[in-house]
Protein backbone atom coordinates (compact mmCIF):
# COMPACT_ATOMS: atom_id res chain seq x y z
CA MET A 1 60.33 -330.83 34.25
CA THR A 2 61.36 -332.92 37.32
CA THR A 3 58.72 -334.86 39.03
CA ILE A 4 58.41 -336.60 42.33
CA TYR A 5 58.87 -339.88 40.43
CA ASP A 6 62.19 -338.74 39.18
CA ILE A 7 63.26 -337.94 42.69
CA ALA A 8 62.15 -341.25 44.03
CA LYS A 9 63.90 -343.10 41.21
CA ALA A 10 67.20 -341.23 41.81
CA VAL A 11 67.14 -341.65 45.94
CA GLY A 12 65.69 -345.17 45.48
CA VAL A 13 62.42 -344.68 47.72
CA THR A 14 58.82 -344.65 46.88
CA GLN A 15 56.95 -341.68 45.55
CA THR A 16 55.04 -341.61 48.93
CA THR A 17 58.21 -341.25 50.99
CA VAL A 18 59.53 -338.46 48.55
CA ALA A 19 55.96 -336.63 48.85
CA ASN A 20 56.09 -336.88 52.69
CA ALA A 21 59.65 -335.68 53.11
CA LEU A 22 59.12 -332.82 50.92
CA ALA A 23 55.81 -331.95 52.86
CA GLY A 24 57.60 -332.45 56.09
CA ARG A 25 55.02 -335.08 57.26
CA GLY A 26 55.02 -338.98 57.90
CA ASN A 27 57.74 -341.46 59.40
CA VAL A 28 60.70 -340.42 57.08
CA SER A 29 64.07 -340.60 58.80
CA GLU A 30 66.22 -337.61 58.93
CA ALA A 31 69.00 -339.06 56.95
CA THR A 32 66.54 -340.06 54.19
CA ARG A 33 64.90 -336.64 54.28
CA LYS A 34 68.04 -334.94 53.79
CA ARG A 35 68.78 -337.05 50.84
CA ILE A 36 65.51 -336.28 49.22
CA LEU A 37 65.76 -332.73 49.69
CA GLN A 38 69.30 -332.51 48.57
CA CYS A 39 68.18 -334.58 45.26
CA ALA A 40 65.14 -332.23 44.79
CA GLN A 41 67.51 -329.30 44.94
CA ASP A 42 70.11 -330.73 42.54
CA MET A 43 67.40 -331.77 39.84
CA GLY A 44 65.78 -328.45 40.14
CA TYR A 45 62.51 -329.72 41.48
CA ARG A 46 59.45 -327.04 41.86
CA PRO A 47 56.43 -328.16 43.53
CA ASN A 48 53.26 -328.28 41.51
CA VAL A 49 51.46 -325.35 43.37
CA LEU A 50 48.06 -325.86 41.17
CA ALA A 51 47.93 -329.54 42.56
CA ARG A 52 48.49 -328.39 46.08
CA SER A 53 45.96 -325.87 45.84
CA LEU A 54 43.40 -328.33 44.43
CA ALA A 55 44.17 -330.77 47.09
CA LYS A 56 43.75 -328.20 49.91
CA GLY A 57 40.80 -326.50 48.27
CA LYS A 58 42.85 -323.15 48.26
CA THR A 59 44.88 -321.24 45.75
CA PHE A 60 46.76 -319.04 48.33
CA THR A 61 45.86 -315.98 46.24
CA LEU A 62 44.15 -312.83 47.37
CA GLY A 63 42.41 -310.20 45.10
CA PHE A 64 42.89 -306.52 45.84
CA ILE A 65 40.26 -304.12 43.98
CA LEU A 66 41.00 -300.40 44.10
CA PRO A 67 39.89 -297.45 42.11
CA THR A 68 43.23 -296.54 40.61
CA ILE A 69 46.94 -297.05 41.14
CA ALA A 70 47.51 -293.64 39.62
CA ASN A 71 46.73 -292.06 43.24
CA PRO A 72 49.79 -292.58 45.34
CA PHE A 73 47.80 -293.37 48.27
CA TYR A 74 46.89 -296.78 46.91
CA PRO A 75 50.31 -298.13 46.03
CA GLU A 76 51.43 -297.45 49.51
CA ILE A 77 48.40 -299.60 50.83
CA ALA A 78 49.02 -302.27 48.14
CA GLU A 79 52.79 -302.68 49.08
CA GLU A 80 51.64 -303.30 52.66
CA ILE A 81 49.06 -305.80 51.92
CA GLU A 82 51.60 -307.70 49.54
CA ARG A 83 54.13 -307.80 52.29
CA ILE A 84 51.78 -309.22 54.91
CA ALA A 85 50.19 -311.70 52.06
CA HIS A 86 53.63 -312.67 51.31
CA ALA A 87 54.47 -313.48 54.90
CA HIS A 88 51.74 -315.89 55.11
CA ASP A 89 52.61 -317.56 51.71
CA TYR A 90 49.98 -315.74 49.73
CA GLN A 91 50.27 -313.78 46.61
CA PHE A 92 47.90 -311.09 45.55
CA VAL A 93 46.20 -309.92 42.46
CA LEU A 94 45.55 -306.25 42.01
CA CYS A 95 42.63 -304.81 39.99
CA ASN A 96 42.00 -301.07 39.08
CA THR A 97 38.39 -300.12 38.37
CA HIS A 98 38.97 -296.46 37.45
CA HIS A 99 35.61 -295.65 39.49
CA ASP A 100 33.62 -297.76 36.89
CA TYR A 101 31.21 -300.10 38.73
CA ALA A 102 30.74 -302.10 35.52
CA LEU A 103 34.46 -302.69 35.38
CA GLY A 104 34.52 -303.51 39.12
CA TYR A 105 31.98 -306.24 38.55
CA GLN A 106 33.98 -307.69 35.83
CA ASN A 107 37.25 -307.74 37.91
CA LEU A 108 35.21 -309.31 40.73
CA GLU A 109 33.77 -312.20 38.38
CA ARG A 110 37.38 -312.77 37.02
CA LEU A 111 38.77 -313.09 40.59
CA VAL A 112 36.21 -315.46 41.52
CA SER A 113 36.51 -317.59 38.51
CA ARG A 114 40.40 -317.76 39.24
CA TRP A 115 39.31 -319.03 42.79
CA VAL A 116 40.92 -316.57 44.81
CA ASP A 117 40.56 -317.24 48.40
CA GLY A 118 39.46 -313.91 49.32
CA ILE A 119 39.43 -310.08 48.37
CA ILE A 120 40.09 -306.75 49.85
CA VAL A 121 38.17 -303.92 48.28
CA MET A 122 38.97 -300.18 48.73
CA GLY A 123 36.13 -297.69 48.69
CA SER A 124 35.05 -296.18 45.47
CA SER A 125 35.95 -299.27 43.57
CA MET A 126 32.37 -300.86 42.69
CA ASP A 127 28.89 -301.40 43.73
CA LEU A 128 28.31 -302.62 47.24
CA ALA A 129 25.41 -304.84 45.97
CA ASP A 130 27.76 -306.89 43.74
CA LEU A 131 30.05 -307.37 46.58
CA THR A 132 27.32 -308.32 49.02
CA SER A 133 26.20 -310.95 46.70
CA GLN A 134 29.64 -312.77 46.38
CA PHE A 135 30.02 -312.33 50.16
CA GLN A 136 26.71 -314.10 50.96
CA GLN A 137 27.97 -316.92 48.64
CA GLY A 138 30.89 -317.51 50.96
CA LEU A 139 33.66 -315.46 49.34
CA PRO A 140 35.76 -313.96 52.15
CA THR A 141 35.60 -310.03 51.83
CA VAL A 142 37.07 -307.06 53.79
CA LEU A 143 35.94 -303.52 52.83
CA CYS A 144 38.84 -301.20 53.38
CA ASN A 145 38.73 -297.45 53.61
CA TRP A 146 35.00 -297.44 52.68
CA GLN A 147 33.69 -294.02 52.97
CA GLU A 148 30.56 -294.39 51.35
CA ASN A 149 27.51 -293.92 53.50
CA GLU A 150 26.11 -297.43 52.81
CA ALA A 151 25.37 -300.29 55.19
CA ALA A 152 27.04 -303.44 54.66
CA PRO A 153 25.55 -305.68 57.23
CA GLY A 154 27.95 -308.59 58.39
CA MET A 155 30.83 -307.71 56.13
CA PRO A 156 33.85 -306.97 57.83
CA GLN A 157 35.38 -303.53 57.45
CA VAL A 158 38.51 -301.52 58.25
CA ASN A 159 37.68 -297.77 57.98
CA VAL A 160 38.94 -294.53 59.19
CA ASP A 161 36.93 -292.02 61.28
CA PHE A 162 36.49 -289.45 58.26
CA HIS A 163 34.12 -287.50 60.12
CA HIS A 164 36.80 -286.64 62.54
CA ALA A 165 39.21 -286.18 59.84
CA GLY A 166 36.92 -283.31 58.71
CA GLU A 167 36.75 -281.76 62.13
CA LEU A 168 40.50 -281.87 62.66
CA ALA A 169 41.16 -280.07 59.38
CA ALA A 170 38.56 -277.17 60.14
CA GLN A 171 39.88 -277.04 63.77
CA HIS A 172 43.46 -276.53 62.60
CA LEU A 173 42.46 -273.77 60.12
CA LEU A 174 40.36 -272.18 62.91
CA SER A 175 43.20 -272.15 65.20
CA LEU A 176 45.25 -270.22 62.85
CA GLY A 177 42.58 -267.49 62.66
CA HIS A 178 41.01 -268.55 59.30
CA ARG A 179 37.16 -267.76 58.76
CA GLN A 180 36.95 -267.52 55.17
CA ILE A 181 37.59 -271.22 54.39
CA ALA A 182 36.81 -273.10 51.48
CA ILE A 183 36.69 -277.02 50.51
CA ILE A 184 37.38 -279.23 47.61
CA VAL A 185 35.39 -282.57 48.27
CA ASP A 186 34.79 -285.76 46.25
CA GLU A 187 31.10 -286.27 46.79
CA PRO A 188 29.28 -288.57 47.62
CA GLN A 189 32.08 -290.63 48.58
CA GLN A 190 33.53 -288.13 51.04
CA THR A 191 30.26 -286.75 52.59
CA SER A 192 31.27 -287.57 56.08
CA CYS A 193 34.38 -285.83 55.90
CA LEU A 194 32.52 -282.69 54.48
CA GLU A 195 29.99 -283.08 57.34
CA GLY A 196 32.89 -283.38 60.05
CA PHE A 197 34.28 -280.14 58.57
CA ARG A 198 31.04 -278.20 58.30
CA VAL A 199 30.09 -279.31 61.97
CA ALA A 200 33.53 -277.95 63.54
CA LEU A 201 32.97 -274.65 61.43
CA HIS A 202 29.55 -274.30 62.79
CA GLU A 203 30.45 -274.89 66.33
CA ALA A 204 33.11 -272.07 65.95
CA GLY A 205 30.35 -269.68 64.72
CA THR A 206 31.58 -269.83 61.19
CA THR A 207 29.47 -270.89 58.16
CA LEU A 208 30.69 -272.74 54.98
CA GLN A 209 29.23 -270.64 52.04
CA SER A 210 27.95 -272.78 49.13
CA GLU A 211 30.36 -271.05 46.74
CA MET A 212 33.13 -272.07 48.86
CA ILE A 213 32.26 -275.92 48.27
CA GLN A 214 33.78 -277.28 45.02
CA GLN A 215 33.50 -280.72 43.66
CA GLY A 216 36.71 -282.77 43.08
CA HIS A 217 37.32 -286.27 41.92
CA SER A 218 40.44 -287.07 43.77
CA THR A 219 42.79 -286.31 41.07
CA LEU A 220 45.43 -283.52 40.39
CA GLU A 221 43.49 -282.04 37.55
CA SER A 222 40.16 -281.72 39.40
CA GLY A 223 41.90 -280.25 42.51
CA HIS A 224 43.46 -277.70 40.04
CA ALA A 225 40.12 -276.81 38.23
CA ALA A 226 38.35 -276.56 41.66
CA ALA A 227 40.93 -274.14 43.02
CA LYS A 228 40.55 -271.97 40.01
CA LYS A 229 36.77 -271.64 40.73
CA ILE A 230 37.37 -270.93 44.31
CA LEU A 231 39.85 -268.17 43.65
CA ALA A 232 37.60 -266.65 41.14
CA ALA A 233 34.74 -266.06 43.67
CA ALA A 234 33.64 -262.53 44.76
CA THR A 235 35.39 -263.20 48.22
CA ARG A 236 38.57 -265.08 48.17
CA PRO A 237 39.13 -267.45 50.97
CA THR A 238 42.26 -267.50 53.15
CA ALA A 239 42.37 -271.17 53.38
CA ILE A 240 41.31 -274.26 51.41
CA PHE A 241 40.97 -277.85 52.79
CA ALA A 242 41.05 -280.57 49.96
CA THR A 243 39.81 -284.01 51.01
CA THR A 244 42.61 -285.78 49.33
CA ASP A 245 46.40 -284.74 49.14
CA TRP A 246 46.37 -285.46 45.36
CA MET A 247 43.64 -282.81 44.95
CA ALA A 248 45.48 -280.31 47.27
CA ILE A 249 48.59 -280.72 45.29
CA GLY A 250 46.59 -279.74 42.11
CA ALA A 251 45.18 -276.76 44.03
CA LEU A 252 48.56 -275.67 45.18
CA GLU A 253 49.46 -275.30 41.43
CA ALA A 254 46.44 -273.35 40.61
CA ILE A 255 47.03 -270.90 43.66
CA ARG A 256 50.72 -270.25 42.29
CA GLU A 257 49.52 -269.61 38.90
CA GLU A 258 47.28 -266.81 40.36
CA GLY A 259 50.39 -265.38 41.63
CA LEU A 260 49.58 -266.15 45.40
CA ARG A 261 51.94 -267.49 47.87
CA VAL A 262 51.32 -270.54 50.21
CA PRO A 263 50.96 -270.15 52.99
CA GLU A 264 51.56 -266.31 53.21
CA ASP A 265 48.34 -265.59 51.17
CA LEU A 266 46.47 -268.66 51.30
CA SER A 267 46.87 -271.67 53.51
CA ILE A 268 46.07 -275.27 52.11
CA ILE A 269 45.60 -278.63 54.00
CA GLY A 270 44.96 -281.99 52.28
CA LEU A 271 44.20 -285.36 53.77
CA ASP A 272 45.94 -288.88 53.27
CA ASP A 273 49.57 -288.14 53.95
CA VAL A 274 51.00 -289.38 50.85
CA VAL A 275 54.85 -289.66 50.77
CA VAL A 276 55.12 -287.08 48.01
CA GLY A 277 53.34 -284.45 50.16
CA ALA A 278 56.36 -284.17 52.44
CA TYR A 279 58.75 -283.39 49.59
CA ILE A 280 56.69 -280.70 47.50
CA SER A 281 57.23 -276.92 48.26
CA PRO A 282 55.92 -276.01 50.65
CA ALA A 283 55.63 -279.35 52.44
CA LEU A 284 51.98 -280.05 52.71
CA THR A 285 50.00 -280.10 55.94
CA THR A 286 47.62 -283.01 56.06
CA ILE A 287 45.09 -285.17 58.07
CA ALA A 288 47.21 -288.43 58.10
CA ILE A 289 45.67 -291.77 57.33
CA PRO A 290 47.09 -294.63 59.20
CA LYS A 291 47.91 -296.41 55.77
CA TYR A 292 50.02 -299.16 57.07
CA GLN A 293 47.69 -300.14 59.84
CA LEU A 294 44.97 -299.99 57.58
CA ALA A 295 46.32 -302.39 55.41
CA LYS A 296 47.63 -304.65 58.28
CA GLU A 297 44.12 -304.86 59.82
CA ALA A 298 42.37 -305.40 56.65
CA THR A 299 44.86 -308.30 55.34
CA GLU A 300 44.63 -309.96 58.66
CA LEU A 301 40.76 -309.70 59.02
CA LEU A 302 40.65 -311.31 55.62
CA LEU A 303 43.16 -314.26 56.48
CA ARG A 304 41.10 -314.88 59.68
CA GLN A 305 37.92 -315.21 57.41
CA ILE A 306 39.84 -317.48 55.09
CA GLU A 307 40.84 -319.68 58.18
CA GLY A 308 37.23 -319.97 59.22
CA LYS A 309 37.78 -317.88 62.40
CA SER A 310 34.31 -316.13 62.37
CA ASP A 311 34.36 -315.64 65.94
CA GLN A 312 37.21 -313.00 65.32
CA LEU A 313 35.71 -310.93 62.56
CA GLN A 314 35.04 -307.35 63.27
CA SER A 315 34.68 -303.93 61.91
CA ILE A 316 37.56 -301.62 62.76
CA LEU A 317 37.20 -297.73 62.94
CA LEU A 318 40.89 -296.37 62.86
CA PRO A 319 41.79 -292.54 64.01
CA PRO A 320 43.19 -290.15 61.70
CA SER A 321 45.73 -287.40 62.96
CA LEU A 322 46.93 -283.91 62.10
CA LEU A 323 50.15 -283.47 60.52
CA ILE A 324 51.35 -279.98 60.34
CA ARG A 325 53.95 -278.97 57.82
CA ARG A 326 54.51 -275.61 55.96
CA SER A 327 51.45 -275.10 53.77
CA THR A 328 49.15 -273.79 56.76
CA ALA A 329 50.01 -270.37 58.72
CA GLN A 330 48.20 -267.73 60.50
CA ALA A 331 45.62 -266.08 58.50
CA PRO A 332 46.63 -262.97 56.69
CA LEU A 333 45.52 -259.61 58.37
């Protein structure tokens, strides 16, 4: 492996001159700098990143903890975080917790032991108490898309207004004449969304019946199973709101298995706006989460913490939006 000593010997200068030229500092003439850089390239020199990290007290590594990469919502977030991190000369380490708080704690401990400069944690990934402890010990941390109704005093967050997301879904279905409406919700994480949905129905004089509320787990399988239970009720709804697109797609298949048509017999709306939702049949109406803005705000907020710009830290709330496609239509007569 080529070292600074090897380059210095080949060019005929001191190791300090080589180090300064490679780092772009010091009083090194332009001609000498070019000779050193060319020699380094010819000899296949690679800087010792670990040594640089130790010298600066940084590893230029970010941790990203999320529930599961199996849900396509998260890869879209991860890709944007990686792009922004790369632009700032950082790499990032991704950890799945599979909704297991013990695994989340284990991942957190491993990231800290590897000296990551900071972490972004998606909601439903781990226990807030474990995060709070590390944050209070000085680990730069940002909560992202944290739907849980837990207080995180002083910890920067980038969230979406999920109460409004629930309202938007209900208002859309109500505008199409639907009054028998069901919901598939992943509680307790998505309680805020359920509350917004319920409030909008109540304001329109419609009650959300208890049998029309089914528990999901943000998976295809749970959406499918919940829809089966809804369709087996004494009174069949004319519309279903699933609080993730992934559950909505699972519910869509269950509806088809019952011989029903979407949206002619039953409308369905999801939440997230995952890419695949636009390409299934029928294309899924959804409450769109601004994923790229979510990732951008979270990453930049974390980098400001790492840089010690505490006066620029804040909690950010992003608005969702209704994206109408072909899976919702006027309620059947």
